[in-house]
Amino acid sequence: MQARIQWHENAVFIAESGSGHAIVVDGPAEIGGRNLGMRPMELMLMSVGSCSAVDIVQILKKARQPISGCEVKVDGERAETDPKVFTKIHLHFIVSGVGLSDNHVKRAVQLSAEKYCSASIMLAKAAEITHGYEIRDGA
C-alpha cells in the first residue's frame, strides 16, 4: 500500500492514494491554510469511521441481515499539548433496515472493533476507543 503527498502552496497538499484517488489536504489559517481541504487529523477520524462501517456492512450482509443503510458519527478528543494526539474516539453507528436483529448488529460492531478494523485497532494503542449503535427500522 502506498500514498503520495505533494505540497501545492502555503499549507495545501494533494494526497494521492496508490489506487489513484486524490484529495486536497489543508492546514489551519494560523499556518497559512485557506480551508481548501480537510485537515490531516480529520482524515484520521474519517478513516477509522469508514474502516469500521465497511466491516459492519459486510458482516451484516454475510449474516443475511436486511441492512439498507449505515452511518457512522465519529467524535474525537485530542490532547491539549503537542503532540495533540487523539486521547478518546467514539464511534456511533446508525444502522438501518427492516427487521434487523439487535444481536447481529451488536456482534458486527464488536467484531469490527476487536478483530477486523485495522484503523481502530491501531489507534486503540494510543486512544480510548468506544463504540455505540442504534438501529433504525426502515429502508
N, C-alpha and C. Protein backbone atom coordinates (compact mmCIF):
# COMPACT_ATOMS: atom_id res chain seq x y z
N MET A 1 0.85 -1.17 0.00
CA MET A 1 0.00 0.00 0.00
C MET A 1 0.90 1.23 0.00
N GLN A 2 0.54 2.19 -0.83
CA GLN A 2 1.34 3.40 -0.92
C GLN A 2 0.46 4.63 -1.02
N ALA A 3 1.05 5.77 -0.76
CA ALA A 3 0.40 7.06 -0.93
C ALA A 3 1.46 8.07 -1.32
N ARG A 4 1.01 9.15 -1.94
CA ARG A 4 1.91 10.23 -2.33
C ARG A 4 1.26 11.54 -1.92
N ILE A 5 2.01 12.35 -1.21
CA ILE A 5 1.51 13.65 -0.77
C ILE A 5 2.45 14.70 -1.32
N GLN A 6 1.89 15.64 -2.07
CA GLN A 6 2.71 16.67 -2.70
C GLN A 6 2.25 18.05 -2.26
N TRP A 7 3.22 18.85 -1.85
CA TRP A 7 2.94 20.22 -1.43
C TRP A 7 2.53 21.03 -2.65
N HIS A 8 1.44 21.80 -2.49
CA HIS A 8 0.94 22.65 -3.58
C HIS A 8 1.30 24.11 -3.34
N GLU A 9 0.85 24.66 -2.21
CA GLU A 9 1.18 26.04 -1.83
C GLU A 9 0.76 26.25 -0.38
N ASN A 10 1.35 27.24 0.27
CA ASN A 10 1.01 27.56 1.66
C ASN A 10 0.92 26.28 2.48
N ALA A 11 -0.27 25.94 2.99
CA ALA A 11 -0.43 24.71 3.77
C ALA A 11 -1.28 23.69 3.01
N VAL A 12 -1.35 23.84 1.68
CA VAL A 12 -2.17 22.96 0.84
C VAL A 12 -1.30 21.84 0.26
N PHE A 13 -1.81 20.62 0.37
CA PHE A 13 -1.16 19.44 -0.19
C PHE A 13 -2.19 18.65 -0.98
N ILE A 14 -1.73 17.93 -1.98
CA ILE A 14 -2.58 17.00 -2.70
C ILE A 14 -2.12 15.61 -2.29
N ALA A 15 -3.03 14.84 -1.73
CA ALA A 15 -2.73 13.48 -1.29
C ALA A 15 -3.35 12.51 -2.28
N GLU A 16 -2.52 11.61 -2.80
CA GLU A 16 -2.99 10.64 -3.78
C GLU A 16 -2.73 9.23 -3.27
N SER A 17 -3.75 8.41 -3.35
CA SER A 17 -3.62 7.03 -2.89
C SER A 17 -2.95 6.18 -3.97
N GLY A 18 -2.47 5.03 -3.56
CA GLY A 18 -1.89 4.10 -4.51
C GLY A 18 -2.88 3.62 -5.55
N SER A 19 -4.16 3.69 -5.23
CA SER A 19 -5.19 3.28 -6.19
C SER A 19 -5.60 4.42 -7.12
N GLY A 20 -4.93 5.58 -6.99
CA GLY A 20 -5.14 6.67 -7.93
C GLY A 20 -6.20 7.70 -7.57
N HIS A 21 -6.65 7.71 -6.34
CA HIS A 21 -7.64 8.70 -5.91
C HIS A 21 -6.95 9.81 -5.15
N ALA A 22 -7.46 11.04 -5.33
CA ALA A 22 -6.78 12.18 -4.71
C ALA A 22 -7.75 13.05 -3.91
N ILE A 23 -7.21 13.70 -2.88
CA ILE A 23 -7.95 14.67 -2.08
C ILE A 23 -7.04 15.85 -1.78
N VAL A 24 -7.67 16.96 -1.43
CA VAL A 24 -6.93 18.14 -1.02
C VAL A 24 -6.86 18.15 0.50
N VAL A 25 -5.66 18.38 1.03
CA VAL A 25 -5.45 18.49 2.47
C VAL A 25 -4.94 19.91 2.72
N ASP A 26 -5.48 20.57 3.74
CA ASP A 26 -5.08 21.94 4.04
C ASP A 26 -4.95 22.10 5.55
N GLY A 27 -4.09 22.97 5.96
CA GLY A 27 -3.88 23.25 7.38
C GLY A 27 -4.74 24.41 7.83
N PRO A 28 -4.70 24.71 9.11
CA PRO A 28 -5.48 25.84 9.65
C PRO A 28 -4.89 27.18 9.22
N ALA A 29 -5.69 28.23 9.35
CA ALA A 29 -5.29 29.58 8.93
C ALA A 29 -3.99 30.04 9.60
N GLU A 30 -3.78 29.66 10.86
CA GLU A 30 -2.59 30.14 11.58
C GLU A 30 -1.27 29.64 10.99
N ILE A 31 -1.33 28.64 10.11
CA ILE A 31 -0.10 28.20 9.44
C ILE A 31 -0.19 28.44 7.93
N GLY A 32 -1.14 29.26 7.52
CA GLY A 32 -1.26 29.60 6.10
C GLY A 32 -2.34 28.87 5.35
N GLY A 33 -3.12 28.05 6.05
CA GLY A 33 -4.21 27.33 5.40
C GLY A 33 -5.33 28.27 4.97
N ARG A 34 -6.06 27.84 3.94
CA ARG A 34 -7.17 28.65 3.43
C ARG A 34 -8.48 27.88 3.38
N ASN A 35 -8.57 26.80 4.14
CA ASN A 35 -9.77 25.98 4.22
C ASN A 35 -10.14 25.40 2.85
N LEU A 36 -9.14 24.96 2.12
CA LEU A 36 -9.37 24.37 0.80
C LEU A 36 -9.53 22.85 0.85
N GLY A 37 -9.29 22.27 2.00
CA GLY A 37 -9.41 20.82 2.12
C GLY A 37 -9.47 20.40 3.57
N MET A 38 -9.55 19.11 3.76
CA MET A 38 -9.64 18.54 5.10
C MET A 38 -8.30 18.64 5.82
N ARG A 39 -8.37 18.65 7.13
CA ARG A 39 -7.18 18.62 7.96
C ARG A 39 -6.72 17.17 8.10
N PRO A 40 -5.42 16.95 8.29
CA PRO A 40 -4.93 15.58 8.43
C PRO A 40 -5.61 14.79 9.56
N MET A 41 -5.84 15.42 10.69
CA MET A 41 -6.46 14.70 11.81
C MET A 41 -7.94 14.40 11.53
N GLU A 42 -8.60 15.23 10.75
CA GLU A 42 -9.96 14.92 10.32
C GLU A 42 -9.96 13.65 9.47
N LEU A 43 -8.95 13.53 8.64
CA LEU A 43 -8.84 12.33 7.80
C LEU A 43 -8.69 11.07 8.65
N MET A 44 -8.00 11.19 9.78
CA MET A 44 -7.85 10.02 10.66
C MET A 44 -9.20 9.57 11.21
N LEU A 45 -10.03 10.54 11.62
CA LEU A 45 -11.36 10.18 12.12
C LEU A 45 -12.20 9.57 11.00
N MET A 46 -12.10 10.14 9.81
CA MET A 46 -12.84 9.60 8.68
C MET A 46 -12.36 8.20 8.32
N SER A 47 -11.08 7.98 8.47
CA SER A 47 -10.50 6.67 8.17
C SER A 47 -11.03 5.60 9.13
N VAL A 48 -11.00 5.90 10.41
CA VAL A 48 -11.46 4.91 11.39
C VAL A 48 -12.96 4.67 11.24
N GLY A 49 -13.72 5.72 10.95
CA GLY A 49 -15.16 5.56 10.76
C GLY A 49 -15.50 4.75 9.53
N SER A 50 -14.83 5.03 8.43
CA SER A 50 -15.13 4.31 7.19
C SER A 50 -14.64 2.87 7.25
N CYS A 51 -13.50 2.64 7.87
CA CYS A 51 -12.99 1.28 8.03
C CYS A 51 -13.99 0.42 8.81
N SER A 52 -14.50 0.96 9.90
CA SER A 52 -15.47 0.24 10.72
C SER A 52 -16.78 0.03 9.99
N ALA A 53 -17.24 1.06 9.26
CA ALA A 53 -18.51 0.95 8.54
C ALA A 53 -18.45 -0.13 7.47
N VAL A 54 -17.33 -0.20 6.75
CA VAL A 54 -17.17 -1.25 5.73
C VAL A 54 -17.30 -2.62 6.38
N ASP A 55 -16.63 -2.80 7.51
CA ASP A 55 -16.70 -4.08 8.23
C ASP A 55 -18.14 -4.42 8.60
N ILE A 56 -18.83 -3.48 9.20
CA ILE A 56 -20.18 -3.74 9.71
C ILE A 56 -21.14 -4.08 8.58
N VAL A 57 -21.07 -3.33 7.49
CA VAL A 57 -21.94 -3.63 6.35
C VAL A 57 -21.65 -5.03 5.82
N GLN A 58 -20.38 -5.38 5.66
CA GLN A 58 -20.03 -6.69 5.13
C GLN A 58 -20.44 -7.82 6.07
N ILE A 59 -20.22 -7.63 7.37
CA ILE A 59 -20.60 -8.66 8.35
C ILE A 59 -22.11 -8.88 8.33
N LEU A 60 -22.87 -7.79 8.30
CA LEU A 60 -24.33 -7.93 8.30
C LEU A 60 -24.84 -8.54 6.99
N LYS A 61 -24.21 -8.20 5.87
CA LYS A 61 -24.61 -8.82 4.60
C LYS A 61 -24.33 -10.33 4.63
N LYS A 62 -23.17 -10.72 5.16
CA LYS A 62 -22.83 -12.15 5.24
C LYS A 62 -23.81 -12.89 6.14
N ALA A 63 -24.33 -12.18 7.15
CA ALA A 63 -25.31 -12.79 8.07
C ALA A 63 -26.72 -12.73 7.49
N ARG A 64 -26.82 -12.24 6.26
CA ARG A 64 -28.11 -12.12 5.55
C ARG A 64 -29.10 -11.25 6.31
N GLN A 65 -28.57 -10.21 6.91
CA GLN A 65 -29.42 -9.23 7.59
C GLN A 65 -29.90 -8.20 6.56
N PRO A 66 -31.12 -7.71 6.70
CA PRO A 66 -31.70 -6.79 5.72
C PRO A 66 -31.23 -5.34 5.91
N ILE A 67 -29.93 -5.13 5.81
CA ILE A 67 -29.36 -3.80 6.01
C ILE A 67 -29.63 -2.93 4.78
N SER A 68 -30.07 -1.69 5.04
CA SER A 68 -30.32 -0.76 3.93
C SER A 68 -29.53 0.54 4.10
N GLY A 69 -28.92 0.74 5.27
CA GLY A 69 -28.14 1.95 5.48
C GLY A 69 -27.20 1.80 6.67
N CYS A 70 -26.10 2.54 6.61
CA CYS A 70 -25.15 2.56 7.71
C CYS A 70 -24.47 3.92 7.73
N GLU A 71 -24.60 4.60 8.84
CA GLU A 71 -23.95 5.90 9.04
C GLU A 71 -23.12 5.81 10.30
N VAL A 72 -21.97 6.45 10.31
CA VAL A 72 -21.12 6.46 11.50
C VAL A 72 -20.82 7.91 11.86
N LYS A 73 -21.11 8.26 13.11
CA LYS A 73 -20.74 9.57 13.62
C LYS A 73 -19.53 9.35 14.52
N VAL A 74 -18.45 10.06 14.21
CA VAL A 74 -17.20 9.86 14.94
C VAL A 74 -16.84 11.15 15.67
N ASP A 75 -16.61 11.03 16.97
CA ASP A 75 -16.18 12.15 17.80
C ASP A 75 -14.80 11.83 18.35
N GLY A 76 -13.89 12.79 18.21
CA GLY A 76 -12.54 12.59 18.73
C GLY A 76 -12.14 13.72 19.66
N GLU A 77 -11.47 13.36 20.74
CA GLU A 77 -10.91 14.34 21.68
C GLU A 77 -9.40 14.24 21.56
N ARG A 78 -8.76 15.42 21.54
CA ARG A 78 -7.31 15.46 21.39
C ARG A 78 -6.66 16.02 22.64
N ALA A 79 -5.40 15.67 22.82
CA ALA A 79 -4.61 16.20 23.93
C ALA A 79 -4.47 17.71 23.77
N GLU A 80 -4.32 18.40 24.89
CA GLU A 80 -4.20 19.86 24.88
C GLU A 80 -2.84 20.34 24.38
N THR A 81 -1.81 19.52 24.59
CA THR A 81 -0.45 19.94 24.23
C THR A 81 0.11 19.07 23.12
N ASP A 82 1.13 19.58 22.45
CA ASP A 82 1.78 18.84 21.36
C ASP A 82 2.49 17.61 21.89
N PRO A 83 2.49 16.52 21.21
CA PRO A 83 1.70 16.30 20.01
C PRO A 83 0.23 16.09 20.39
N LYS A 84 -0.65 16.75 19.71
CA LYS A 84 -2.07 16.73 20.06
C LYS A 84 -2.75 15.48 19.50
N VAL A 85 -2.32 14.35 20.06
CA VAL A 85 -2.86 13.06 19.63
C VAL A 85 -4.29 12.90 20.10
N PHE A 86 -5.01 12.00 19.46
CA PHE A 86 -6.34 11.67 19.95
C PHE A 86 -6.19 10.91 21.26
N THR A 87 -6.98 11.31 22.24
CA THR A 87 -7.00 10.60 23.52
C THR A 87 -8.26 9.76 23.66
N LYS A 88 -9.33 10.18 23.01
CA LYS A 88 -10.59 9.45 23.02
C LYS A 88 -11.25 9.56 21.66
N ILE A 89 -11.79 8.45 21.20
CA ILE A 89 -12.56 8.42 19.95
C ILE A 89 -13.81 7.60 20.21
N HIS A 90 -14.95 8.15 19.83
CA HIS A 90 -16.21 7.42 19.98
C HIS A 90 -16.85 7.28 18.61
N LEU A 91 -17.20 6.06 18.26
CA LEU A 91 -17.89 5.78 17.01
C LEU A 91 -19.33 5.38 17.33
N HIS A 92 -20.27 6.08 16.73
CA HIS A 92 -21.69 5.77 16.93
C HIS A 92 -22.27 5.37 15.57
N PHE A 93 -22.71 4.13 15.48
CA PHE A 93 -23.24 3.57 14.24
C PHE A 93 -24.76 3.67 14.22
N ILE A 94 -25.29 4.14 13.12
CA ILE A 94 -26.73 4.17 12.90
C ILE A 94 -26.99 3.22 11.74
N VAL A 95 -27.54 2.07 12.07
CA VAL A 95 -27.74 1.01 11.08
C VAL A 95 -29.24 0.91 10.79
N SER A 96 -29.57 0.93 9.50
CA SER A 96 -30.98 0.91 9.09
C SER A 96 -31.31 -0.37 8.33
N GLY A 97 -32.55 -0.79 8.47
CA GLY A 97 -33.06 -1.95 7.75
C GLY A 97 -34.36 -2.41 8.38
N VAL A 98 -35.16 -3.07 7.61
CA VAL A 98 -36.44 -3.59 8.10
C VAL A 98 -36.19 -4.94 8.75
N GLY A 99 -36.40 -5.01 10.06
CA GLY A 99 -36.25 -6.27 10.77
C GLY A 99 -34.83 -6.68 11.10
N LEU A 100 -33.93 -5.73 11.26
CA LEU A 100 -32.55 -6.07 11.65
C LEU A 100 -32.53 -6.66 13.06
N SER A 101 -31.69 -7.64 13.26
CA SER A 101 -31.53 -8.27 14.56
C SER A 101 -30.56 -7.44 15.41
N ASP A 102 -30.98 -7.07 16.61
CA ASP A 102 -30.11 -6.34 17.52
C ASP A 102 -28.84 -7.15 17.82
N ASN A 103 -29.00 -8.45 18.01
CA ASN A 103 -27.83 -9.29 18.31
C ASN A 103 -26.83 -9.30 17.17
N HIS A 104 -27.32 -9.33 15.93
CA HIS A 104 -26.42 -9.31 14.78
C HIS A 104 -25.68 -7.98 14.66
N VAL A 105 -26.38 -6.89 14.88
CA VAL A 105 -25.74 -5.57 14.79
C VAL A 105 -24.71 -5.42 15.90
N LYS A 106 -25.08 -5.80 17.10
CA LYS A 106 -24.16 -5.73 18.23
C LYS A 106 -22.90 -6.55 17.95
N ARG A 107 -23.08 -7.73 17.43
CA ARG A 107 -21.95 -8.62 17.12
C ARG A 107 -21.08 -8.04 16.00
N ALA A 108 -21.71 -7.42 15.00
CA ALA A 108 -20.95 -6.82 13.90
C ALA A 108 -20.08 -5.68 14.41
N VAL A 109 -20.63 -4.84 15.30
CA VAL A 109 -19.86 -3.74 15.89
C VAL A 109 -18.70 -4.31 16.70
N GLN A 110 -18.96 -5.33 17.47
CA GLN A 110 -17.93 -5.95 18.30
C GLN A 110 -16.82 -6.58 17.44
N LEU A 111 -17.20 -7.29 16.39
CA LEU A 111 -16.19 -7.92 15.52
C LEU A 111 -15.32 -6.87 14.82
N SER A 112 -15.95 -5.79 14.38
CA SER A 112 -15.18 -4.72 13.75
C SER A 112 -14.18 -4.15 14.75
N ALA A 113 -14.64 -3.87 15.96
CA ALA A 113 -13.80 -3.24 16.98
C ALA A 113 -12.66 -4.14 17.44
N GLU A 114 -12.92 -5.42 17.55
CA GLU A 114 -11.95 -6.33 18.17
C GLU A 114 -11.11 -7.14 17.19
N LYS A 115 -11.60 -7.29 15.94
CA LYS A 115 -10.92 -8.21 15.04
C LYS A 115 -10.59 -7.64 13.66
N TYR A 116 -11.50 -6.89 13.06
CA TYR A 116 -11.35 -6.56 11.65
C TYR A 116 -10.87 -5.14 11.31
N CYS A 117 -11.27 -4.13 12.04
CA CYS A 117 -10.93 -2.76 11.65
C CYS A 117 -9.51 -2.42 12.08
N SER A 118 -8.60 -2.53 11.13
CA SER A 118 -7.19 -2.28 11.45
C SER A 118 -6.95 -0.83 11.86
N ALA A 119 -7.74 0.10 11.33
CA ALA A 119 -7.57 1.51 11.71
C ALA A 119 -7.91 1.72 13.18
N SER A 120 -9.04 1.21 13.64
CA SER A 120 -9.42 1.43 15.05
C SER A 120 -8.54 0.62 16.00
N ILE A 121 -8.16 -0.56 15.60
CA ILE A 121 -7.29 -1.38 16.45
C ILE A 121 -5.92 -0.72 16.59
N MET A 122 -5.42 -0.13 15.51
CA MET A 122 -4.15 0.58 15.56
C MET A 122 -4.26 1.82 16.45
N LEU A 123 -5.31 2.63 16.25
CA LEU A 123 -5.47 3.84 17.05
C LEU A 123 -5.75 3.55 18.52
N ALA A 124 -6.29 2.37 18.80
CA ALA A 124 -6.58 1.99 20.19
C ALA A 124 -5.31 1.84 21.01
N LYS A 125 -4.17 1.77 20.36
CA LYS A 125 -2.89 1.71 21.08
C LYS A 125 -2.53 3.07 21.68
N ALA A 126 -3.18 4.14 21.19
CA ALA A 126 -2.89 5.48 21.67
C ALA A 126 -4.10 6.18 22.29
N ALA A 127 -5.30 5.76 21.93
CA ALA A 127 -6.52 6.45 22.37
C ALA A 127 -7.54 5.44 22.88
N GLU A 128 -8.38 5.91 23.77
CA GLU A 128 -9.51 5.09 24.23
C GLU A 128 -10.58 5.15 23.15
N ILE A 129 -10.94 3.99 22.61
CA ILE A 129 -11.94 3.95 21.56
C ILE A 129 -13.17 3.24 22.08
N THR A 130 -14.32 3.91 21.93
CA THR A 130 -15.59 3.34 22.36
C THR A 130 -16.54 3.28 21.17
N HIS A 131 -17.52 2.41 21.28
CA HIS A 131 -18.48 2.19 20.21
C HIS A 131 -19.90 2.17 20.76
N GLY A 132 -20.81 2.67 19.98
CA GLY A 132 -22.23 2.59 20.29
C GLY A 132 -22.98 2.40 18.99
N TYR A 133 -24.23 2.01 19.10
CA TYR A 133 -25.02 1.83 17.89
C TYR A 133 -26.50 2.03 18.19
N GLU A 134 -27.22 2.28 17.12
CA GLU A 134 -28.67 2.30 17.18
C GLU A 134 -29.18 1.70 15.89
N ILE A 135 -30.34 1.12 15.99
CA ILE A 135 -30.96 0.50 14.82
C ILE A 135 -32.18 1.32 14.46
N ARG A 136 -32.28 1.69 13.20
CA ARG A 136 -33.46 2.38 12.70
C ARG A 136 -34.20 1.44 11.78
N ASP A 137 -35.40 1.11 12.20
CA ASP A 137 -36.21 0.18 11.43
C ASP A 137 -36.81 0.92 10.23
N GLY A 138 -36.43 0.49 9.06
CA GLY A 138 -36.93 1.10 7.85
C GLY A 138 -35.90 1.09 6.76
N ALA A 139 -36.34 1.46 5.57
CA ALA A 139 -35.44 1.44 4.42
C ALA A 139 -34.52 2.62 4.39
